[in-house]
């Protein structure tokens, strides 16, 4: 059982380094929770493979530093889409004289 966990930790670490993926994306790809990915990368990996951990740590720190930028872009896109939907609904209402 412990061997399975160690293998998963190494596999996830290699994926994170190669794809520069976020914890959330990695969790989706591997079908585990974000908490599991985070614990694997920050607690288990340093004990299993410290060199691999250094690479993962760099990616995690970079993602953490950039997350406010990604969040701002997502919010901007959300409100842009809402505005577009409201405009379409207004056009539809005027076309069919719905009040």
PDB file of N, CA and C in Angstrom:
ATOM      1  N   UNK A   1       0.826  -1.189   0.000  1.00  0.00           N
ATOM      2  CA  UNK A   1       0.000   0.000   0.000  1.00  0.00           C
ATOM      3  C   UNK A   1       0.872   1.256   0.000  1.00  0.00           C
ATOM      4  N   UNK A   2       1.901   1.300   0.865  1.00  0.00           N
ATOM      5  CA  UNK A   2       2.760   2.464   0.938  1.00  0.00           C
ATOM      6  C   UNK A   2       3.484   2.687  -0.386  1.00  0.00           C
ATOM      7  N   UNK A   3       3.839   1.601  -1.053  1.00  0.00           N
ATOM      8  CA  UNK A   3       4.494   1.711  -2.355  1.00  0.00           C
ATOM      9  C   UNK A   3       3.603   2.392  -3.375  1.00  0.00           C
ATOM     10  N   UNK A   4       2.302   2.112  -3.316  1.00  0.00           N
ATOM     11  CA  UNK A   4       1.354   2.743  -4.235  1.00  0.00           C
ATOM     12  C   UNK A   4       1.314   4.251  -4.021  1.00  0.00           C
ATOM     13  N   UNK A   5       1.321   4.666  -2.762  1.00  0.00           N
ATOM     14  CA  UNK A   5       1.289   6.099  -2.460  1.00  0.00           C
ATOM     15  C   UNK A   5       2.568   6.764  -2.946  1.00  0.00           C
ATOM     16  N   UNK A   6       3.701   6.122  -2.683  1.00  0.00           N
ATOM     17  CA  UNK A   6       4.981   6.684  -3.125  1.00  0.00           C
ATOM     18  C   UNK A   6       5.029   6.820  -4.645  1.00  0.00           C
ATOM     19  N   UNK A   7       4.515   5.808  -5.344  1.00  0.00           N
ATOM     20  CA  UNK A   7       4.482   5.867  -6.813  1.00  0.00           C
ATOM     21  C   UNK A   7       3.595   7.012  -7.291  1.00  0.00           C
ATOM     22  N   UNK A   8       2.435   7.176  -6.646  1.00  0.00           N
ATOM     23  CA  UNK A   8       1.530   8.268  -7.010  1.00  0.00           C
ATOM     24  C   UNK A   8       2.200   9.617  -6.782  1.00  0.00           C
ATOM     25  N   UNK A   9       2.880   9.757  -5.663  1.00  0.00           N
ATOM     26  CA  UNK A   9       3.545  11.019  -5.338  1.00  0.00           C
ATOM     27  C   UNK A   9       4.583  11.360  -6.403  1.00  0.00           C
ATOM     28  N   UNK A  10       5.384  10.391  -6.787  1.00  0.00           N
ATOM     29  CA  UNK A  10       6.417  10.619  -7.809  1.00  0.00           C
ATOM     30  C   UNK A  10       5.773  10.956  -9.150  1.00  0.00           C
ATOM     31  N   UNK A  11       4.728  10.228  -9.517  1.00  0.00           N
ATOM     32  CA  UNK A  11       4.045  10.474 -10.792  1.00  0.00           C
ATOM     33  C   UNK A  11       3.428  11.879 -10.827  1.00  0.00           C
ATOM     34  N   UNK A  12       2.779  12.258  -9.743  1.00  0.00           N
ATOM     35  CA  UNK A  12       2.178  13.596  -9.675  1.00  0.00           C
ATOM     36  C   UNK A  12       3.263  14.662  -9.736  1.00  0.00           C
ATOM     37  N   UNK A  13       4.353  14.452  -9.032  1.00  0.00           N
ATOM     38  CA  UNK A  13       5.450  15.429  -9.028  1.00  0.00           C
ATOM     39  C   UNK A  13       6.014  15.625 -10.431  1.00  0.00           C
ATOM     40  N   UNK A  14       6.220  14.542 -11.141  1.00  0.00           N
ATOM     41  CA  UNK A  14       6.738  14.655 -12.519  1.00  0.00           C
ATOM     42  C   UNK A  14       5.748  15.401 -13.413  1.00  0.00           C
ATOM     43  N   UNK A  15       4.460  15.147 -13.217  1.00  0.00           N
ATOM     44  CA  UNK A  15       3.434  15.842 -13.998  1.00  0.00           C
ATOM     45  C   UNK A  15       3.449  17.339 -13.701  1.00  0.00           C
ATOM     46  N   UNK A  16       3.510  17.691 -12.425  1.00  0.00           N
ATOM     47  CA  UNK A  16       3.506  19.106 -12.029  1.00  0.00           C
ATOM     48  C   UNK A  16       4.702  19.829 -12.641  1.00  0.00           C
ATOM     49  N   UNK A  17       5.865  19.212 -12.590  1.00  0.00           N
ATOM     50  CA  UNK A  17       7.069  19.848 -13.130  1.00  0.00           C
ATOM     51  C   UNK A  17       6.988  19.978 -14.645  1.00  0.00           C
ATOM     52  N   UNK A  18       6.550  18.928 -15.321  1.00  0.00           N
ATOM     53  CA  UNK A  18       6.537  18.962 -16.792  1.00  0.00           C
ATOM     54  C   UNK A  18       5.462  19.883 -17.354  1.00  0.00           C
ATOM     55  N   UNK A  19       4.315  19.964 -16.673  1.00  0.00           N
ATOM     56  CA  UNK A  19       3.205  20.756 -17.218  1.00  0.00           C
ATOM     57  C   UNK A  19       3.036  22.108 -16.529  1.00  0.00           C
ATOM     58  N   UNK A  20       3.766  22.328 -15.439  1.00  0.00           N
ATOM     59  CA  UNK A  20       3.624  23.566 -14.646  1.00  0.00           C
ATOM     60  C   UNK A  20       2.183  23.740 -14.169  1.00  0.00           C
ATOM     61  N   UNK A  21       1.518  22.631 -13.916  1.00  0.00           N
ATOM     62  CA  UNK A  21       0.091  22.635 -13.582  1.00  0.00           C
ATOM     63  C   UNK A  21      -0.161  23.129 -12.165  1.00  0.00           C
ATOM     64  N   UNK A  22      -1.351  23.674 -11.969  1.00  0.00           N
ATOM     65  CA  UNK A  22      -1.788  24.079 -10.639  1.00  0.00           C
ATOM     66  C   UNK A  22      -2.219  22.844  -9.855  1.00  0.00           C
ATOM     67  N   UNK A  23      -2.366  23.015  -8.555  1.00  0.00           N
ATOM     68  CA  UNK A  23      -2.833  21.921  -7.697  1.00  0.00           C
ATOM     69  C   UNK A  23      -4.224  21.481  -8.143  1.00  0.00           C
ATOM     70  N   UNK A  24      -5.080  22.442  -8.459  1.00  0.00           N
ATOM     71  CA  UNK A  24      -6.452  22.129  -8.871  1.00  0.00           C
ATOM     72  C   UNK A  24      -6.462  21.297 -10.157  1.00  0.00           C
ATOM     73  N   UNK A  25      -5.713  21.723 -11.157  1.00  0.00           N
ATOM     74  CA  UNK A  25      -5.680  20.992 -12.428  1.00  0.00           C
ATOM     75  C   UNK A  25      -5.089  19.594 -12.224  1.00  0.00           C
ATOM     76  N   UNK A  26      -4.034  19.509 -11.436  1.00  0.00           N
ATOM     77  CA  UNK A  26      -3.397  18.222 -11.169  1.00  0.00           C
ATOM     78  C   UNK A  26      -4.370  17.273 -10.475  1.00  0.00           C
ATOM     79  N   UNK A  27      -5.133  17.786  -9.523  1.00  0.00           N
ATOM     80  CA  UNK A  27      -6.110  16.957  -8.810  1.00  0.00           C
ATOM     81  C   UNK A  27      -7.149  16.393  -9.770  1.00  0.00           C
ATOM     82  N   UNK A  28      -7.595  17.214 -10.707  1.00  0.00           N
ATOM     83  CA  UNK A  28      -8.582  16.758 -11.689  1.00  0.00           C
ATOM     84  C   UNK A  28      -7.990  15.668 -12.572  1.00  0.00           C
ATOM     85  N   UNK A  29      -6.771  15.883 -13.046  1.00  0.00           N
ATOM     86  CA  UNK A  29      -6.122  14.921 -13.947  1.00  0.00           C
ATOM     87  C   UNK A  29      -5.934  13.564 -13.259  1.00  0.00           C
ATOM     88  N   UNK A  30      -5.547  13.574 -11.988  1.00  0.00           N
ATOM     89  CA  UNK A  30      -5.259  12.327 -11.285  1.00  0.00           C
ATOM     90  C   UNK A  30      -6.454  11.767 -10.512  1.00  0.00           C
ATOM     91  N   UNK A  31      -7.551  12.493 -10.496  1.00  0.00           N
ATOM     92  CA  UNK A  31      -8.751  11.993  -9.840  1.00  0.00           C
ATOM     93  C   UNK A  31      -8.643  11.907  -8.327  1.00  0.00           C
ATOM     94  N   UNK A  32      -7.898  12.834  -7.740  1.00  0.00           N
ATOM     95  CA  UNK A  32      -7.784  12.909  -6.287  1.00  0.00           C
ATOM     96  C   UNK A  32      -8.150  14.326  -5.850  1.00  0.00           C
ATOM     97  N   UNK A  33      -8.247  14.541  -4.553  1.00  0.00           N
ATOM     98  CA  UNK A  33      -8.622  15.867  -4.067  1.00  0.00           C
ATOM     99  C   UNK A  33      -7.431  16.823  -4.111  1.00  0.00           C
ATOM    100  N   UNK A  34      -7.750  18.120  -4.070  1.00  0.00           N
ATOM    101  CA  UNK A  34      -6.692  19.134  -4.018  1.00  0.00           C
ATOM    102  C   UNK A  34      -5.866  18.964  -2.747  1.00  0.00           C
ATOM    103  N   UNK A  35      -6.529  18.587  -1.667  1.00  0.00           N
ATOM    104  CA  UNK A  35      -5.824  18.378  -0.393  1.00  0.00           C
ATOM    105  C   UNK A  35      -4.810  17.250  -0.505  1.00  0.00           C
ATOM    106  N   UNK A  36      -5.188  16.190  -1.202  1.00  0.00           N
ATOM    107  CA  UNK A  36      -4.277  15.060  -1.391  1.00  0.00           C
ATOM    108  C   UNK A  36      -3.063  15.478  -2.203  1.00  0.00           C
ATOM    109  N   UNK A  37      -3.292  16.207  -3.290  1.00  0.00           N
ATOM    110  CA  UNK A  37      -2.175  16.666  -4.121  1.00  0.00           C
ATOM    111  C   UNK A  37      -1.261  17.559  -3.295  1.00  0.00           C
ATOM    112  N   UNK A  38      -1.840  18.489  -2.564  1.00  0.00           N
ATOM    113  CA  UNK A  38      -1.031  19.415  -1.774  1.00  0.00           C
ATOM    114  C   UNK A  38      -0.220  18.672  -0.709  1.00  0.00           C
ATOM    115  N   UNK A  39      -0.858  17.738  -0.014  1.00  0.00           N
ATOM    116  CA  UNK A  39      -0.149  16.970   1.011  1.00  0.00           C
ATOM    117  C   UNK A  39       0.947  16.110   0.385  1.00  0.00           C
ATOM    118  N   UNK A  40       0.637  15.484  -0.754  1.00  0.00           N
ATOM    119  CA  UNK A  40       1.644  14.680  -1.448  1.00  0.00           C
ATOM    120  C   UNK A  40       2.867  15.517  -1.805  1.00  0.00           C
ATOM    121  N   UNK A  41       2.620  16.721  -2.320  1.00  0.00           N
ATOM    122  CA  UNK A  41       3.725  17.546  -2.813  1.00  0.00           C
ATOM    123  C   UNK A  41       4.504  18.236  -1.694  1.00  0.00           C
ATOM    124  N   UNK A  42       3.836  18.610  -0.623  1.00  0.00           N
ATOM    125  CA  UNK A  42       4.522  19.392   0.412  1.00  0.00           C
ATOM    126  C   UNK A  42       5.003  18.569   1.607  1.00  0.00           C
ATOM    127  N   UNK A  43       4.378  17.423   1.865  1.00  0.00           N
ATOM    128  CA  UNK A  43       4.770  16.620   3.025  1.00  0.00           C
ATOM    129  C   UNK A  43       5.435  15.303   2.642  1.00  0.00           C
ATOM    130  N   UNK A  44       4.852  14.583   1.695  1.00  0.00           N
ATOM    131  CA  UNK A  44       5.374  13.257   1.359  1.00  0.00           C
ATOM    132  C   UNK A  44       6.572  13.324   0.418  1.00  0.00           C
ATOM    133  N   UNK A  45       6.492  14.181  -0.600  1.00  0.00           N
ATOM    134  CA  UNK A  45       7.553  14.232  -1.609  1.00  0.00           C
ATOM    135  C   UNK A  45       8.921  14.582  -1.028  1.00  0.00           C
ATOM    136  N   UNK A  46       9.050  15.551  -0.114  1.00  0.00           N
ATOM    137  CA  UNK A  46      10.384  15.856   0.419  1.00  0.00           C
ATOM    138  C   UNK A  46      11.049  14.658   1.091  1.00  0.00           C
ATOM    139  N   UNK A  47      10.254  13.774   1.674  1.00  0.00           N
ATOM    140  CA  UNK A  47      10.799  12.582   2.329  1.00  0.00           C
ATOM    141  C   UNK A  47      11.190  11.513   1.313  1.00  0.00           C
ATOM    142  N   UNK A  48      10.449  11.442   0.208  1.00  0.00           N
ATOM    143  CA  UNK A  48      10.675  10.411  -0.804  1.00  0.00           C
ATOM    144  C   UNK A  48      11.798  10.807  -1.757  1.00  0.00           C
ATOM    145  N   UNK A  49      11.728  12.044  -2.270  1.00  0.00           N
ATOM    146  CA  UNK A  49      12.693  12.489  -3.283  1.00  0.00           C
ATOM    147  C   UNK A  49      12.921  14.003  -3.148  1.00  0.00           C
ATOM    148  N   UNK A  50      13.886  14.408  -2.330  1.00  0.00           N
ATOM    149  CA  UNK A  50      14.124  15.836  -2.090  1.00  0.00           C
ATOM    150  C   UNK A  50      14.477  16.631  -3.353  1.00  0.00           C
ATOM    151  N   UNK A  51      15.179  16.018  -4.291  1.00  0.00           N
ATOM    152  CA  UNK A  51      15.543  16.731  -5.526  1.00  0.00           C
ATOM    153  C   UNK A  51      14.302  17.049  -6.357  1.00  0.00           C
ATOM    154  N   UNK A  52      13.429  16.079  -6.492  1.00  0.00           N
ATOM    155  CA  UNK A  52      12.188  16.286  -7.234  1.00  0.00           C
ATOM    156  C   UNK A  52      11.326  17.331  -6.523  1.00  0.00           C
ATOM    157  N   UNK A  53      11.361  17.312  -5.197  1.00  0.00           N
ATOM    158  CA  UNK A  53      10.601  18.287  -4.413  1.00  0.00           C
ATOM    159  C   UNK A  53      11.031  19.717  -4.737  1.00  0.00           C
ATOM    160  N   UNK A  54      12.319  19.944  -4.918  1.00  0.00           N
ATOM    161  CA  UNK A  54      12.793  21.299  -5.233  1.00  0.00           C
ATOM    162  C   UNK A  54      12.176  21.815  -6.523  1.00  0.00           C
ATOM    163  N   UNK A  55      12.038  20.954  -7.521  1.00  0.00           N
ATOM    164  CA  UNK A  55      11.399  21.353  -8.773  1.00  0.00           C
ATOM    165  C   UNK A  55       9.923  21.650  -8.590  1.00  0.00           C
ATOM    166  N   UNK A  56       9.248  20.812  -7.825  1.00  0.00           N
ATOM    167  CA  UNK A  56       7.818  21.009  -7.564  1.00  0.00           C
ATOM    168  C   UNK A  56       7.605  22.287  -6.754  1.00  0.00           C
ATOM    169  N   UNK A  57       8.455  22.505  -5.776  1.00  0.00           N
ATOM    170  CA  UNK A  57       8.334  23.694  -4.924  1.00  0.00           C
ATOM    171  C   UNK A  57       8.417  24.967  -5.766  1.00  0.00           C
ATOM    172  N   UNK A  58       9.323  24.987  -6.751  1.00  0.00           N
ATOM    173  CA  UNK A  58       9.439  26.155  -7.633  1.00  0.00           C
ATOM    174  C   UNK A  58       8.133  26.403  -8.393  1.00  0.00           C
ATOM    175  N   UNK A  59       7.537  25.332  -8.920  1.00  0.00           N
ATOM    176  CA  UNK A  59       6.277  25.465  -9.668  1.00  0.00           C
ATOM    177  C   UNK A  59       5.160  25.944  -8.742  1.00  0.00           C
ATOM    178  N   UNK A  60       5.056  25.359  -7.553  1.00  0.00           N
ATOM    179  CA  UNK A  60       4.005  25.752  -6.614  1.00  0.00           C
ATOM    180  C   UNK A  60       4.154  27.215  -6.191  1.00  0.00           C
ATOM    181  N   UNK A  61       5.380  27.648  -5.960  1.00  0.00           N
ATOM    182  CA  UNK A  61       5.607  29.049  -5.575  1.00  0.00           C
ATOM    183  C   UNK A  61       5.256  29.994  -6.716  1.00  0.00           C
ATOM    184  N   UNK A  62       5.603  29.602  -7.944  1.00  0.00           N
ATOM    185  CA  UNK A  62       5.272  30.430  -9.109  1.00  0.00           C
ATOM    186  C   UNK A  62       3.752  30.533  -9.266  1.00  0.00           C
ATOM    187  N   UNK A  63       3.065  29.404  -9.147  1.00  0.00           N
ATOM    188  CA  UNK A  63       1.601  29.407  -9.258  1.00  0.00           C
ATOM    189  C   UNK A  63       0.963  30.258  -8.165  1.00  0.00           C
ATOM    190  N   UNK A  64       1.505  30.183  -6.967  1.00  0.00           N
ATOM    191  CA  UNK A  64       0.956  30.982  -5.867  1.00  0.00           C
ATOM    192  C   UNK A  64       1.157  32.471  -6.134  1.00  0.00           C
ATOM    193  N   UNK A  65       2.307  32.828  -6.685  1.00  0.00           N
ATOM    194  CA  UNK A  65       2.590  34.235  -6.979  1.00  0.00           C
ATOM    195  C   UNK A  65       1.695  34.774  -8.092  1.00  0.00           C
ATOM    196  N   UNK A  66       1.259  33.903  -8.993  1.00  0.00           N
ATOM    197  CA  UNK A  66       0.458  34.329 -10.148  1.00  0.00           C
ATOM    198  C   UNK A  66      -1.046  34.179  -9.942  1.00  0.00           C
ATOM    199  N   UNK A  67      -1.471  33.585  -8.852  1.00  0.00           N
ATOM    200  CA  UNK A  67      -2.892  33.254  -8.716  1.00  0.00           C
ATOM    201  C   UNK A  67      -3.793  34.479  -8.690  1.00  0.00           C
ATOM    202  N   UNK A  68      -3.328  35.590  -8.149  1.00  0.00           N
ATOM    203  CA  UNK A  68      -4.175  36.788  -8.133  1.00  0.00           C
ATOM    204  C   UNK A  68      -4.391  37.322  -9.544  1.00  0.00           C
ATOM    205  N   UNK A  69      -3.426  37.103 -10.415  1.00  0.00           N
ATOM    206  CA  UNK A  69      -3.565  37.532 -11.812  1.00  0.00           C
ATOM    207  C   UNK A  69      -4.594  36.659 -12.524  1.00  0.00           C
ATOM    208  N   UNK A  70      -4.492  35.337 -12.337  1.00  0.00           N
ATOM    209  CA  UNK A  70      -5.462  34.423 -12.953  1.00  0.00           C
ATOM    210  C   UNK A  70      -6.866  34.692 -12.434  1.00  0.00           C
ATOM    211  N   UNK A  71      -6.984  34.987 -11.141  1.00  0.00           N
ATOM    212  CA  UNK A  71      -8.293  35.290 -10.562  1.00  0.00           C
ATOM    213  C   UNK A  71      -8.894  36.552 -11.154  1.00  0.00           C
ATOM    214  N   UNK A  72      -8.066  37.566 -11.357  1.00  0.00           N
ATOM    215  CA  UNK A  72      -8.543  38.811 -11.959  1.00  0.00           C
ATOM    216  C   UNK A  72      -9.006  38.606 -13.384  1.00  0.00           C
ATOM    217  N   UNK A  73      -8.271  37.796 -14.138  1.00  0.00           N
ATOM    218  CA  UNK A  73      -8.668  37.507 -15.523  1.00  0.00           C
ATOM    219  C   UNK A  73      -9.995  36.749 -15.559  1.00  0.00           C
ATOM    220  N   UNK A  74     -10.158  35.810 -14.645  1.00  0.00           N
ATOM    221  CA  UNK A  74     -11.402  35.033 -14.598  1.00  0.00           C
ATOM    222  C   UNK A  74     -12.591  35.928 -14.262  1.00  0.00           C
ATOM    223  N   UNK A  75     -12.396  36.849 -13.327  1.00  0.00           N
ATOM    224  CA  UNK A  75     -13.475  37.765 -12.954  1.00  0.00           C
ATOM    225  C   UNK A  75     -13.831  38.683 -14.117  1.00  0.00           C
ATOM    226  N   UNK A  76     -12.818  39.176 -14.794  1.00  0.00           N
ATOM    227  CA  UNK A  76     -13.046  40.050 -15.952  1.00  0.00           C
ATOM    228  C   UNK A  76     -13.851  39.313 -17.021  1.00  0.00           C
ATOM    229  N   UNK A  77     -13.473  38.075 -17.304  1.00  0.00           N
ATOM    230  CA  UNK A  77     -14.174  37.273 -18.303  1.00  0.00           C
ATOM    231  C   UNK A  77     -15.616  36.994 -17.873  1.00  0.00           C
ATOM    232  N   UNK A  78     -15.812  36.724 -16.594  1.00  0.00           N
ATOM    233  CA  UNK A  78     -17.156  36.458 -16.074  1.00  0.00           C
ATOM    234  C   UNK A  78     -18.084  37.637 -16.344  1.00  0.00           C
ATOM    235  N   UNK A  79     -17.646  38.829 -15.999  1.00  0.00           N
ATOM    236  CA  UNK A  79     -18.512  39.996 -16.170  1.00  0.00           C
ATOM    237  C   UNK A  79     -18.668  40.392 -17.630  1.00  0.00           C
ATOM    238  N   UNK A  80     -17.665  40.111 -18.432  1.00  0.00           N
ATOM    239  CA  UNK A  80     -17.787  40.350 -19.872  1.00  0.00           C
ATOM    240  C   UNK A  80     -18.870  39.436 -20.447  1.00  0.00           C
ATOM    241  N   UNK A  81     -18.861  38.172 -20.041  1.00  0.00           N
ATOM    242  CA  UNK A  81     -19.873  37.222 -20.511  1.00  0.00           C
ATOM    243  C   UNK A  81     -21.264  37.588 -20.013  1.00  0.00           C
ATOM    244  N   UNK A  82     -21.365  38.033 -18.767  1.00  0.00           N
ATOM    245  CA  UNK A  82     -22.667  38.450 -18.239  1.00  0.00           C
ATOM    246  C   UNK A  82     -23.216  39.644 -19.011  1.00  0.00           C
ATOM    247  N   UNK A  83     -22.352  40.582 -19.338  1.00  0.00           N
ATOM    248  CA  UNK A  83     -22.777  41.756 -20.102  1.00  0.00           C
ATOM    249  C   UNK A  83     -23.263  41.331 -21.488  1.00  0.00           C
ATOM    250  N   UNK A  84     -22.535  40.410 -22.104  1.00  0.00           N
ATOM    251  CA  UNK A  84     -22.904  39.907 -23.431  1.00  0.00           C
ATOM    252  C   UNK A  84     -24.271  39.218 -23.379  1.00  0.00           C
ATOM    253  N   UNK A  85     -24.492  38.401 -22.357  1.00  0.00           N
ATOM    254  CA  UNK A  85     -25.777  37.707 -22.216  1.00  0.00           C
ATOM    255  C   UNK A  85     -26.918  38.698 -21.998  1.00  0.00           C
ATOM    256  N   UNK A  86     -26.682  39.723 -21.201  1.00  0.00           N
ATOM    257  CA  UNK A  86     -27.715  40.730 -20.950  1.00  0.00           C
ATOM    258  C   UNK A  86     -28.061  41.470 -22.233  1.00  0.00           C
ATOM    259  N   UNK A  87     -27.061  41.773 -23.045  1.00  0.00           N
ATOM    260  CA  UNK A  87     -27.291  42.454 -24.323  1.00  0.00           C
ATOM    261  C   UNK A  87     -28.102  41.571 -25.258  1.00  0.00           C
ATOM    262  N   UNK A  88     -27.755  40.284 -25.325  1.00  0.00           N
ATOM    263  CA  UNK A  88     -28.505  39.358 -26.175  1.00  0.00           C
ATOM    264  C   UNK A  88     -29.956  39.251 -25.718  1.00  0.00           C
ATOM    265  N   UNK A  89     -30.174  39.195 -24.419  1.00  0.00           N
ATOM    266  CA  UNK A  89     -31.531  39.077 -23.886  1.00  0.00           C
ATOM    267  C   UNK A  89     -32.338  40.331 -24.220  1.00  0.00           C
ATOM    268  N   UNK A  90     -31.717  41.494 -24.116  1.00  0.00           N
ATOM    269  CA  UNK A  90     -32.397  42.745 -24.440  1.00  0.00           C
ATOM    270  C   UNK A  90     -32.773  42.766 -25.918  1.00  0.00           C
ATOM    271  N   UNK A  91     -31.837  42.357 -26.790  1.00  0.00           N
ATOM    272  CA  UNK A  91     -32.111  42.315 -28.226  1.00  0.00           C
ATOM    273  C   UNK A  91     -33.268  41.371 -28.529  1.00  0.00           C
ATOM    274  N   UNK A  92     -33.292  40.217 -27.871  1.00  0.00           N
ATOM    275  CA  UNK A  92     -34.350  39.236 -28.071  1.00  0.00           C
ATOM    276  C   UNK A  92     -35.694  39.815 -27.635  1.00  0.00           C
ATOM    277  N   UNK A  93     -35.702  40.482 -26.476  1.00  0.00           N
ATOM    278  CA  UNK A  93     -36.939  41.075 -25.952  1.00  0.00           C
ATOM    279  C   UNK A  93     -37.485  42.130 -26.899  1.00  0.00           C
ATOM    280  N   UNK A  94     -36.606  42.963 -27.430  1.00  0.00           N
ATOM    281  CA  UNK A  94     -37.045  44.010 -28.352  1.00  0.00           C
ATOM    282  C   UNK A  94     -37.554  43.414 -29.655  1.00  0.00           C
ATOM    283  N   UNK A  95     -36.914  42.353 -30.107  1.00  0.00           N
ATOM    284  CA  UNK A  95     -37.295  41.715 -31.356  1.00  0.00           C
ATOM    285  C   UNK A  95     -38.712  41.149 -31.264  1.00  0.00           C
ATOM    286  N   UNK A  96     -39.026  40.522 -30.149  1.00  0.00           N
ATOM    287  CA  UNK A  96     -40.333  39.892 -29.992  1.00  0.00           C
ATOM    288  C   UNK A  96     -41.272  40.694 -29.094  1.00  0.00           C
ATOM    289  N   UNK A  97     -40.894  41.907 -28.771  1.00  0.00           N
ATOM    290  CA  UNK A  97     -41.684  42.827 -27.948  1.00  0.00           C
ATOM    291  C   UNK A  97     -42.115  42.189 -26.621  1.00  0.00           C
ATOM    292  N   UNK A  98     -41.172  41.531 -26.013  1.00  0.00           N
ATOM    293  CA  UNK A  98     -41.424  40.930 -24.706  1.00  0.00           C
ATOM    294  C   UNK A  98     -40.993  41.935 -23.644  1.00  0.00           C
ATOM    295  N   UNK A  99     -41.850  42.117 -22.653  1.00  0.00           N
ATOM    296  CA  UNK A  99     -41.513  43.057 -21.576  1.00  0.00           C
ATOM    297  C   UNK A  99     -41.363  42.339 -20.279  1.00  0.00           C
TER     298      UNK A  99
END
